[in-house]
Amino acid sequence: MPETLLLDSQQRYAEFMNLICINHNPAIVPAVDIDLFWHTHQLTPSNYLPWCTHHVGFPINHDDTVGEGELTTSLRSEEHT
């Protein structure tokens, strides 16, 4: 995978996490590359939890078992941004 693609995904991930911070809504649905970056980041909790606390203000439990109603609300919310 080209390094530029990884760096772009890292930047998009940071911007996405900033959206969560601004909106106080961890249910915002990420794009596939952001989601992959997010899952990879969570594989190292000793890094992930302090990073979230520093950059977002609180640790985020990225739960992929979101109900359909919550997902629909989040998707509609994202359409308006």
C-alpha atoms as a PDB file:
ATOM      1  CA  MET A   1       0.000   0.000   0.000  1.00  0.00           C
ATOM      2  CA  PRO A   2       1.464   3.400  -0.930  1.00  0.00           C
ATOM      3  CA  GLU A   3       2.627   5.499   1.992  1.00  0.00           C
ATOM      4  CA  THR A   4       0.695   8.523   0.673  1.00  0.00           C
ATOM      5  CA  LEU A   5      -2.549   6.528   0.934  1.00  0.00           C
ATOM      6  CA  LEU A   6      -1.780   5.604   4.540  1.00  0.00           C
ATOM      7  CA  LEU A   7      -0.948   9.202   5.423  1.00  0.00           C
ATOM      8  CA  ASP A   8      -4.171  10.391   3.782  1.00  0.00           C
ATOM      9  CA  SER A   9      -6.201   7.831   5.738  1.00  0.00           C
ATOM     10  CA  GLN A  10      -4.450   8.867   8.947  1.00  0.00           C
ATOM     11  CA  GLN A  11      -5.395  12.492   8.307  1.00  0.00           C
ATOM     12  CA  ARG A  12      -8.997  11.549   7.466  1.00  0.00           C
ATOM     13  CA  TYR A  13      -9.134   9.467  10.675  1.00  0.00           C
ATOM     14  CA  ALA A  14      -7.936  12.422  12.768  1.00  0.00           C
ATOM     15  CA  GLU A  15     -10.504  14.709  11.107  1.00  0.00           C
ATOM     16  CA  PHE A  16     -13.244  12.131  11.680  1.00  0.00           C
ATOM     17  CA  MET A  17     -12.345  11.847  15.358  1.00  0.00           C
ATOM     18  CA  ASN A  18     -12.477  15.638  15.552  1.00  0.00           C
ATOM     19  CA  LEU A  19     -16.079  15.440  14.235  1.00  0.00           C
ATOM     20  CA  ILE A  20     -16.919  13.074  17.066  1.00  0.00           C
ATOM     21  CA  CYS A  21     -15.386  15.534  19.523  1.00  0.00           C
ATOM     22  CA  ILE A  22     -17.265  18.530  18.099  1.00  0.00           C
ATOM     23  CA  ASN A  23     -20.616  16.721  17.838  1.00  0.00           C
ATOM     24  CA  HIS A  24     -20.228  14.599  20.997  1.00  0.00           C
ATOM     25  CA  ASN A  25     -21.554  11.728  18.889  1.00  0.00           C
ATOM     26  CA  PRO A  26     -19.481   8.535  18.714  1.00  0.00           C
ATOM     27  CA  ALA A  27     -22.188   6.958  16.494  1.00  0.00           C
ATOM     28  CA  ILE A  28     -21.097   8.892  13.375  1.00  0.00           C
ATOM     29  CA  VAL A  29     -20.454   6.355  10.588  1.00  0.00           C
ATOM     30  CA  PRO A  30     -16.912   6.424   9.156  1.00  0.00           C
ATOM     31  CA  ALA A  31     -15.832   5.704   5.589  1.00  0.00           C
ATOM     32  CA  VAL A  32     -14.204   2.318   5.031  1.00  0.00           C
ATOM     33  CA  ASP A  33     -10.596   3.567   5.129  1.00  0.00           C
ATOM     34  CA  ILE A  34     -11.277   5.496   8.343  1.00  0.00           C
ATOM     35  CA  ASP A  35     -12.975   2.481   9.918  1.00  0.00           C
ATOM     36  CA  LEU A  36     -10.003   0.266   9.059  1.00  0.00           C
ATOM     37  CA  PHE A  37      -7.612   2.832  10.524  1.00  0.00           C
ATOM     38  CA  TRP A  38      -9.824   3.049  13.644  1.00  0.00           C
ATOM     39  CA  HIS A  39      -9.901  -0.732  14.166  1.00  0.00           C
ATOM     40  CA  THR A  40      -6.149  -0.911  13.681  1.00  0.00           C
ATOM     41  CA  HIS A  41      -5.595   1.888  16.208  1.00  0.00           C
ATOM     42  CA  GLN A  42      -7.708   0.035  18.787  1.00  0.00           C
ATOM     43  CA  LEU A  43      -5.407  -2.982  18.570  1.00  0.00           C
ATOM     44  CA  THR A  44      -2.994  -1.090  20.835  1.00  0.00           C
ATOM     45  CA  PRO A  45      -5.148   0.099  23.774  1.00  0.00           C
ATOM     46  CA  SER A  46      -2.098   1.519  25.566  1.00  0.00           C
ATOM     47  CA  ASN A  47      -1.835   3.989  22.671  1.00  0.00           C
ATOM     48  CA  TYR A  48      -5.499   4.276  21.642  1.00  0.00           C
ATOM     49  CA  LEU A  49      -7.045   5.264  24.993  1.00  0.00           C
ATOM     50  CA  PRO A  50      -4.570   8.080  25.802  1.00  0.00           C
ATOM     51  CA  TRP A  51      -4.810   9.327  22.189  1.00  0.00           C
ATOM     52  CA  CYS A  52      -8.611   9.517  22.414  1.00  0.00           C
ATOM     53  CA  THR A  53      -8.499  11.240  25.777  1.00  0.00           C
ATOM     54  CA  HIS A  54      -6.011  13.801  24.478  1.00  0.00           C
ATOM     55  CA  HIS A  55      -7.544  14.456  21.038  1.00  0.00           C
ATOM     56  CA  VAL A  56     -11.256  13.803  21.598  1.00  0.00           C
ATOM     57  CA  GLY A  57     -11.598  14.397  25.327  1.00  0.00           C
ATOM     58  CA  PHE A  58     -12.924  10.947  26.183  1.00  0.00           C
ATOM     59  CA  PRO A  59     -12.215   7.323  25.271  1.00  0.00           C
ATOM     60  CA  ILE A  60     -14.438   5.993  22.471  1.00  0.00           C
ATOM     61  CA  ASN A  61     -15.675   2.429  22.404  1.00  0.00           C
ATOM     62  CA  HIS A  62     -16.047   1.784  18.675  1.00  0.00           C
ATOM     63  CA  ASP A  63     -18.942  -0.673  18.699  1.00  0.00           C
ATOM     64  CA  ASP A  64     -19.859  -2.145  15.314  1.00  0.00           C
ATOM     65  CA  THR A  65     -23.088  -3.631  16.689  1.00  0.00           C
ATOM     66  CA  VAL A  66     -25.064  -0.407  16.249  1.00  0.00           C
ATOM     67  CA  GLY A  67     -28.811  -0.870  15.815  1.00  0.00           C
ATOM     68  CA  GLU A  68     -30.460   0.034  12.499  1.00  0.00           C
ATOM     69  CA  GLY A  69     -32.332   3.010  13.987  1.00  0.00           C
ATOM     70  CA  GLU A  70     -29.135   4.535  15.359  1.00  0.00           C
ATOM     71  CA  LEU A  71     -27.333   3.933  12.073  1.00  0.00           C
ATOM     72  CA  THR A  72     -30.100   5.631  10.084  1.00  0.00           C
ATOM     73  CA  THR A  73     -30.051   8.653  12.422  1.00  0.00           C
ATOM     74  CA  SER A  74     -26.261   8.908  12.152  1.00  0.00           C
ATOM     75  CA  LEU A  75     -26.339   8.634   8.363  1.00  0.00           C
ATOM     76  CA  ARG A  76     -28.946  11.391   8.143  1.00  0.00           C
ATOM     77  CA  SER A  77     -26.885  13.521  10.508  1.00  0.00           C
ATOM     78  CA  GLU A  78     -23.803  13.012   8.345  1.00  0.00           C
ATOM     79  CA  GLU A  79     -25.700  14.062   5.191  1.00  0.00           C
ATOM     80  CA  HIS A  80     -26.231  17.506   6.718  1.00  0.00           C
ATOM     81  CA  THR A  81     -22.539  18.163   7.457  1.00  0.00           C
END
